[in-house]
Amino acid sequence: MLSHERIWSAIDHLAQRNNLTASGLAKRAGLDATSFNRSKRISPDGRKRWPSTESVAKILAATGASLDDFLGLIEPRNGGTRVAVPLIGSESAIGHIGANGLPGNGGATAEVELPGLGPERCFAIEVRDGALSPLYREGDVLVVSATAAIRKGDRVVTCLGGGSILVAELKRRTARAAELSGPAPGDPDRVVPASEIAWMARVMWVRH
């Protein structure tokens, strides 16, 4: 039986693989931009909502992905592996990233399924204490890579000098600053001086 969480996670990953947010994927497929919002995945009375077969067909056509590709994101087969990656809480001061692309204070490890992420060095950030609301919920795990190439439109984790983190879409990055999207639709973009950025990592996968 297909898992509700895995299907929505597959849609999120398909969006990330195409350098899009979930709303960006919906718009590219000609759907309402809110079609894949978190608020649409669970009804007000707590019932699970499933994406329609029509909407799935449209996002596959819009991205050039096959149905087999999508099923592989739901239930990774040969392309998916389980690896132990350093796990850090979002409330922790993350600080320094070493030359190997991994945080120096990641003592704990977590088993995380990484379908199709290639050779990038990854670590995981578990969302705690509402630190990354409204994008992510308590218990979500973000698998990120500080060694992966980052392009405009990617969703990134930005660690500030004091150890706090931001998660947002990268709008523009220069030698002087990074321009990030606001934390919620309609919020103004945020410009962070390069001198305040300890490191930036691309969000590769999200486990809900």
C-alpha atoms as a PDB file:
ATOM      1  CA  MET A   1       0.000   0.000   0.000  1.00  0.00           C
ATOM      2  CA  LEU A   2       1.378   3.398  -0.958  1.00  0.00           C
ATOM      3  CA  SER A   3       2.238   5.706   1.935  1.00  0.00           C
ATOM      4  CA  HIS A   4       0.598   9.127   2.053  1.00  0.00           C
ATOM      5  CA  GLU A   5       3.830  10.647   3.427  1.00  0.00           C
ATOM      6  CA  ARG A   6       6.012   8.983   0.771  1.00  0.00           C
ATOM      7  CA  ILE A   7       3.867  10.220  -2.097  1.00  0.00           C
ATOM      8  CA  TRP A   8       4.014  13.814  -0.891  1.00  0.00           C
ATOM      9  CA  SER A   9       7.728  13.422  -0.172  1.00  0.00           C
ATOM     10  CA  ALA A  10       8.201  12.171  -3.758  1.00  0.00           C
ATOM     11  CA  ILE A  11       6.478  15.312  -5.080  1.00  0.00           C
ATOM     12  CA  ASP A  12       8.744  17.467  -2.897  1.00  0.00           C
ATOM     13  CA  HIS A  13      11.816  15.636  -4.155  1.00  0.00           C
ATOM     14  CA  LEU A  14      10.719  15.906  -7.784  1.00  0.00           C
ATOM     15  CA  ALA A  15      10.417  19.655  -7.246  1.00  0.00           C
ATOM     16  CA  GLN A  16      13.859  19.886  -5.626  1.00  0.00           C
ATOM     17  CA  ARG A  17      15.405  17.810  -8.410  1.00  0.00           C
ATOM     18  CA  ASN A  18      14.164  20.435 -10.850  1.00  0.00           C
ATOM     19  CA  ASN A  19      15.315  23.358  -8.671  1.00  0.00           C
ATOM     20  CA  LEU A  20      11.743  24.267  -7.784  1.00  0.00           C
ATOM     21  CA  THR A  21       9.680  24.690  -4.674  1.00  0.00           C
ATOM     22  CA  ALA A  22       6.482  22.637  -4.413  1.00  0.00           C
ATOM     23  CA  SER A  23       4.484  25.706  -5.464  1.00  0.00           C
ATOM     24  CA  GLY A  24       6.892  26.327  -8.342  1.00  0.00           C
ATOM     25  CA  LEU A  25       6.374  22.752  -9.538  1.00  0.00           C
ATOM     26  CA  ALA A  26       2.594  23.211  -9.396  1.00  0.00           C
ATOM     27  CA  LYS A  27       2.809  26.414 -11.433  1.00  0.00           C
ATOM     28  CA  ARG A  28       5.086  24.820 -14.034  1.00  0.00           C
ATOM     29  CA  ALA A  29       2.513  22.041 -14.443  1.00  0.00           C
ATOM     30  CA  GLY A  30      -0.282  24.551 -14.959  1.00  0.00           C
ATOM     31  CA  LEU A  31      -1.858  23.875 -11.570  1.00  0.00           C
ATOM     32  CA  ASP A  32      -2.864  26.295  -8.854  1.00  0.00           C
ATOM     33  CA  ALA A  33       0.283  27.398  -7.019  1.00  0.00           C
ATOM     34  CA  THR A  34      -1.163  26.198  -3.704  1.00  0.00           C
ATOM     35  CA  SER A  35      -1.988  22.676  -4.955  1.00  0.00           C
ATOM     36  CA  PHE A  36       0.926  21.055  -3.128  1.00  0.00           C
ATOM     37  CA  ASN A  37       1.056  23.285  -0.048  1.00  0.00           C
ATOM     38  CA  ARG A  38       1.324  21.522   3.303  1.00  0.00           C
ATOM     39  CA  SER A  39      -2.071  22.888   4.290  1.00  0.00           C
ATOM     40  CA  LYS A  40      -3.600  20.943   1.394  1.00  0.00           C
ATOM     41  CA  ARG A  41      -2.146  17.595   2.480  1.00  0.00           C
ATOM     42  CA  ILE A  42      -4.233  17.180   5.625  1.00  0.00           C
ATOM     43  CA  SER A  43      -7.849  18.327   5.886  1.00  0.00           C
ATOM     44  CA  PRO A  44      -8.949  20.560   8.803  1.00  0.00           C
ATOM     45  CA  ASP A  45     -10.522  17.514  10.466  1.00  0.00           C
ATOM     46  CA  GLY A  46      -7.276  15.534  10.205  1.00  0.00           C
ATOM     47  CA  ARG A  47      -8.051  13.359   7.181  1.00  0.00           C
ATOM     48  CA  LYS A  48      -5.237  12.677   4.726  1.00  0.00           C
ATOM     49  CA  ARG A  49      -5.544  14.299   1.321  1.00  0.00           C
ATOM     50  CA  TRP A  50      -3.925  12.643  -1.692  1.00  0.00           C
ATOM     51  CA  PRO A  51      -2.708  14.313  -4.892  1.00  0.00           C
ATOM     52  CA  SER A  52      -4.970  13.514  -7.839  1.00  0.00           C
ATOM     53  CA  THR A  53      -3.751  11.234 -10.616  1.00  0.00           C
ATOM     54  CA  GLU A  54      -4.324  14.140 -13.016  1.00  0.00           C
ATOM     55  CA  SER A  55      -2.033  16.459 -11.037  1.00  0.00           C
ATOM     56  CA  VAL A  56       0.675  13.767 -10.855  1.00  0.00           C
ATOM     57  CA  ALA A  57       0.417  13.235 -14.626  1.00  0.00           C
ATOM     58  CA  LYS A  58       0.805  16.977 -15.193  1.00  0.00           C
ATOM     59  CA  ILE A  59       3.938  17.333 -13.030  1.00  0.00           C
ATOM     60  CA  LEU A  60       5.514  14.322 -14.757  1.00  0.00           C
ATOM     61  CA  ALA A  61       4.823  15.876 -18.155  1.00  0.00           C
ATOM     62  CA  ALA A  62       6.121  19.270 -16.994  1.00  0.00           C
ATOM     63  CA  THR A  63       9.414  17.828 -15.711  1.00  0.00           C
ATOM     64  CA  GLY A  64       9.945  15.100 -18.282  1.00  0.00           C
ATOM     65  CA  ALA A  65       9.944  12.439 -15.564  1.00  0.00           C
ATOM     66  CA  SER A  66       8.452   9.015 -16.203  1.00  0.00           C
ATOM     67  CA  LEU A  67       5.957   7.228 -14.002  1.00  0.00           C
ATOM     68  CA  ASP A  68       8.710   4.751 -13.176  1.00  0.00           C
ATOM     69  CA  ASP A  69      10.915   7.664 -12.024  1.00  0.00           C
ATOM     70  CA  PHE A  70       8.125   8.857  -9.743  1.00  0.00           C
ATOM     71  CA  LEU A  71       7.476   5.393  -8.327  1.00  0.00           C
ATOM     72  CA  GLY A  72      11.205   5.140  -7.652  1.00  0.00           C
ATOM     73  CA  LEU A  73      10.979   8.299  -5.533  1.00  0.00           C
ATOM     74  CA  ILE A  74       8.095   6.801  -3.557  1.00  0.00           C
ATOM     75  CA  GLU A  75       9.793   3.448  -3.032  1.00  0.00           C
ATOM     76  CA  PRO A  76      13.504   3.699  -3.949  1.00  0.00           C
ATOM     77  CA  ARG A  77      14.752   0.554  -5.606  1.00  0.00           C
ATOM     78  CA  ASN A  78      18.240   0.067  -7.048  1.00  0.00           C
ATOM     79  CA  GLY A  79      18.818   3.825  -7.203  1.00  0.00           C
ATOM     80  CA  GLY A  80      18.145   4.311  -3.501  1.00  0.00           C
ATOM     81  CA  THR A  81      20.555   3.537  -0.694  1.00  0.00           C
ATOM     82  CA  ARG A  82      20.449   3.859   3.067  1.00  0.00           C
ATOM     83  CA  VAL A  83      23.479   5.542   4.558  1.00  0.00           C
ATOM     84  CA  ALA A  84      24.429   6.862   7.981  1.00  0.00           C
ATOM     85  CA  VAL A  85      24.802  10.633   7.938  1.00  0.00           C
ATOM     86  CA  PRO A  86      25.628  13.069  10.763  1.00  0.00           C
ATOM     87  CA  LEU A  87      22.404  14.296  12.383  1.00  0.00           C
ATOM     88  CA  ILE A  88      22.115  17.727  14.023  1.00  0.00           C
ATOM     89  CA  GLY A  89      19.146  19.419  15.669  1.00  0.00           C
ATOM     90  CA  SER A  90      17.957  22.667  14.109  1.00  0.00           C
ATOM     91  CA  GLU A  91      18.191  24.372  17.497  1.00  0.00           C
ATOM     92  CA  SER A  92      21.907  23.570  17.815  1.00  0.00           C
ATOM     93  CA  ALA A  93      24.712  25.992  17.016  1.00  0.00           C
ATOM     94  CA  ILE A  94      26.010  24.284  13.891  1.00  0.00           C
ATOM     95  CA  GLY A  95      29.044  26.468  13.381  1.00  0.00           C
ATOM     96  CA  HIS A  96      31.951  25.153  11.348  1.00  0.00           C
ATOM     97  CA  ILE A  97      31.789  22.961   8.230  1.00  0.00           C
ATOM     98  CA  GLY A  98      34.990  21.055   7.558  1.00  0.00           C
ATOM     99  CA  ALA A  99      36.816  20.565   4.274  1.00  0.00           C
ATOM    100  CA  ASN A 100      34.917  17.271   3.910  1.00  0.00           C
ATOM    101  CA  GLY A 101      31.631  19.181   3.761  1.00  0.00           C
ATOM    102  CA  LEU A 102      30.430  17.868   7.121  1.00  0.00           C
ATOM    103  CA  PRO A 103      29.773  19.697  10.405  1.00  0.00           C
ATOM    104  CA  GLY A 104      32.376  19.294  13.101  1.00  0.00           C
ATOM    105  CA  ASN A 105      29.864  18.719  15.898  1.00  0.00           C
ATOM    106  CA  GLY A 106      27.659  16.039  14.344  1.00  0.00           C
ATOM    107  CA  GLY A 107      28.085  13.197  16.798  1.00  0.00           C
ATOM    108  CA  ALA A 108      24.811  11.351  16.273  1.00  0.00           C
ATOM    109  CA  THR A 109      23.987   9.545  13.059  1.00  0.00           C
ATOM    110  CA  ALA A 110      20.724   8.716  11.371  1.00  0.00           C
ATOM    111  CA  GLU A 111      19.751   6.196   8.707  1.00  0.00           C
ATOM    112  CA  VAL A 112      18.280   8.213   5.843  1.00  0.00           C
ATOM    113  CA  GLU A 113      17.226   6.969   2.401  1.00  0.00           C
ATOM    114  CA  LEU A 114      18.972   8.952  -0.319  1.00  0.00           C
ATOM    115  CA  PRO A 115      17.559   8.150  -3.772  1.00  0.00           C
ATOM    116  CA  GLY A 116      19.529   9.496  -6.703  1.00  0.00           C
ATOM    117  CA  LEU A 117      21.649  12.044  -4.844  1.00  0.00           C
ATOM    118  CA  GLY A 118      24.925  10.990  -6.399  1.00  0.00           C
ATOM    119  CA  PRO A 119      28.324  11.313  -4.707  1.00  0.00           C
ATOM    120  CA  GLU A 120      27.651  14.455  -2.661  1.00  0.00           C
ATOM    121  CA  ARG A 121      28.611  14.457   1.014  1.00  0.00           C
ATOM    122  CA  CYS A 122      25.463  14.984   3.042  1.00  0.00           C
ATOM    123  CA  PHE A 123      24.376  15.561   6.609  1.00  0.00           C
ATOM    124  CA  ALA A 124      20.951  15.813   8.199  1.00  0.00           C
ATOM    125  CA  ILE A 125      19.194  18.508  10.223  1.00  0.00           C
ATOM    126  CA  GLU A 126      16.202  17.479  12.320  1.00  0.00           C
ATOM    127  CA  VAL A 127      13.620  20.241  12.801  1.00  0.00           C
ATOM    128  CA  ARG A 128      13.000  20.924  16.491  1.00  0.00           C
ATOM    129  CA  ASP A 129      11.206  23.578  18.547  1.00  0.00           C
ATOM    130  CA  GLY A 130       9.516  25.124  15.513  1.00  0.00           C
ATOM    131  CA  ALA A 131      12.860  26.515  14.353  1.00  0.00           C
ATOM    132  CA  LEU A 132      12.066  26.279  10.627  1.00  0.00           C
ATOM    133  CA  SER A 133       8.338  26.991  10.656  1.00  0.00           C
ATOM    134  CA  PRO A 134       6.341  27.476   8.447  1.00  0.00           C
ATOM    135  CA  LEU A 135       8.356  25.612   5.797  1.00  0.00           C
ATOM    136  CA  TYR A 136       8.965  22.514   7.900  1.00  0.00           C
ATOM    137  CA  ARG A 137       7.300  20.821  10.841  1.00  0.00           C
ATOM    138  CA  GLU A 138       8.632  19.327  14.065  1.00  0.00           C
ATOM    139  CA  GLY A 139      10.448  16.073  13.314  1.00  0.00           C
ATOM    140  CA  ASP A 140      11.078  16.716   9.611  1.00  0.00           C
ATOM    141  CA  VAL A 141      14.632  15.815   8.571  1.00  0.00           C
ATOM    142  CA  LEU A 142      16.439  17.875   5.947  1.00  0.00           C
ATOM    143  CA  VAL A 143      19.275  16.114   4.137  1.00  0.00           C
ATOM    144  CA  VAL A 144      21.639  18.829   2.921  1.00  0.00           C
ATOM    145  CA  SER A 145      24.972  19.071   1.152  1.00  0.00           C
ATOM    146  CA  ALA A 146      27.549  21.813   1.544  1.00  0.00           C
ATOM    147  CA  THR A 147      29.559  20.369  -1.369  1.00  0.00           C
ATOM    148  CA  ALA A 148      26.761  20.334  -3.977  1.00  0.00           C
ATOM    149  CA  ALA A 149      26.627  23.146  -6.518  1.00  0.00           C
ATOM    150  CA  ILE A 150      24.068  25.823  -5.589  1.00  0.00           C
ATOM    151  CA  ARG A 151      22.129  27.699  -8.241  1.00  0.00           C
ATOM    152  CA  LYS A 152      19.499  30.399  -8.298  1.00  0.00           C
ATOM    153  CA  GLY A 153      16.139  28.912  -7.297  1.00  0.00           C
ATOM    154  CA  ASP A 154      17.617  26.159  -5.098  1.00  0.00           C
ATOM    155  CA  ARG A 155      16.296  25.803  -1.579  1.00  0.00           C
ATOM    156  CA  VAL A 156      19.236  26.294   0.767  1.00  0.00           C
ATOM    157  CA  VAL A 157      20.132  26.183   4.447  1.00  0.00           C
ATOM    158  CA  THR A 158      22.142  29.253   5.434  1.00  0.00           C
ATOM    159  CA  CYS A 159      24.058  29.198   8.699  1.00  0.00           C
ATOM    160  CA  LEU A 160      24.767  32.606  10.199  1.00  0.00           C
ATOM    161  CA  GLY A 161      27.855  33.420  12.197  1.00  0.00           C
ATOM    162  CA  GLY A 162      26.139  32.831  15.537  1.00  0.00           C
ATOM    163  CA  GLY A 163      25.072  29.302  14.567  1.00  0.00           C
ATOM    164  CA  SER A 164      21.399  29.968  13.788  1.00  0.00           C
ATOM    165  CA  ILE A 165      20.060  28.752  10.456  1.00  0.00           C
ATOM    166  CA  LEU A 166      17.669  29.989   7.791  1.00  0.00           C
ATOM    167  CA  VAL A 167      15.988  27.892   5.096  1.00  0.00           C
ATOM    168  CA  ALA A 168      14.840  29.717   1.977  1.00  0.00           C
ATOM    169  CA  GLU A 169      15.006  29.819  -1.794  1.00  0.00           C
ATOM    170  CA  LEU A 170      18.172  31.445  -3.106  1.00  0.00           C
ATOM    171  CA  LYS A 171      17.244  34.394  -5.297  1.00  0.00           C
ATOM    172  CA  ARG A 172      20.732  35.751  -5.982  1.00  0.00           C
ATOM    173  CA  ARG A 173      24.242  35.442  -4.596  1.00  0.00           C
ATOM    174  CA  THR A 174      27.219  37.726  -5.096  1.00  0.00           C
ATOM    175  CA  ALA A 175      30.583  38.115  -3.404  1.00  0.00           C
ATOM    176  CA  ARG A 176      28.974  40.653  -1.077  1.00  0.00           C
ATOM    177  CA  ALA A 177      25.613  39.133  -0.126  1.00  0.00           C
ATOM    178  CA  ALA A 178      22.976  36.460  -0.635  1.00  0.00           C
ATOM    179  CA  GLU A 179      19.387  37.365  -1.412  1.00  0.00           C
ATOM    180  CA  LEU A 180      16.934  34.843   0.071  1.00  0.00           C
ATOM    181  CA  SER A 181      13.171  34.544  -0.253  1.00  0.00           C
ATOM    182  CA  GLY A 182      10.978  35.534   2.678  1.00  0.00           C
ATOM    183  CA  PRO A 183       9.940  32.826   5.171  1.00  0.00           C
ATOM    184  CA  ALA A 184       6.337  32.798   3.914  1.00  0.00           C
ATOM    185  CA  PRO A 185       4.599  33.754   0.645  1.00  0.00           C
ATOM    186  CA  GLY A 186       4.269  37.523   0.449  1.00  0.00           C
ATOM    187  CA  ASP A 187       7.050  38.206   2.938  1.00  0.00           C
ATOM    188  CA  PRO A 188       9.856  40.466   1.689  1.00  0.00           C
ATOM    189  CA  ASP A 189      13.112  38.931   0.514  1.00  0.00           C
ATOM    190  CA  ARG A 190      16.043  39.040   2.906  1.00  0.00           C
ATOM    191  CA  VAL A 191      19.533  40.189   1.984  1.00  0.00           C
ATOM    192  CA  VAL A 192      22.259  38.605   4.123  1.00  0.00           C
ATOM    193  CA  PRO A 193      25.776  40.090   3.922  1.00  0.00           C
ATOM    194  CA  ALA A 194      28.445  37.535   3.002  1.00  0.00           C
ATOM    195  CA  SER A 195      30.338  38.472   6.178  1.00  0.00           C
ATOM    196  CA  GLU A 196      27.432  37.060   8.256  1.00  0.00           C
ATOM    197  CA  ILE A 197      27.275  33.695   6.445  1.00  0.00           C
ATOM    198  CA  ALA A 198      29.252  30.847   8.002  1.00  0.00           C
ATOM    199  CA  TRP A 199      28.189  28.378   5.284  1.00  0.00           C
ATOM    200  CA  MET A 200      25.404  27.576   2.856  1.00  0.00           C
ATOM    201  CA  ALA A 201      24.171  24.099   1.910  1.00  0.00           C
ATOM    202  CA  ARG A 202      21.701  22.895  -0.708  1.00  0.00           C
ATOM    203  CA  VAL A 203      18.618  20.989   0.475  1.00  0.00           C
ATOM    204  CA  MET A 204      18.843  17.627  -1.306  1.00  0.00           C
ATOM    205  CA  TRP A 205      15.974  15.686   0.260  1.00  0.00           C
ATOM    206  CA  VAL A 206      13.348  16.117   2.957  1.00  0.00           C
ATOM    207  CA  ARG A 207      12.001  13.252   5.051  1.00  0.00           C
ATOM    208  CA  HIS A 208       8.631  14.071   6.608  1.00  0.00           C
END
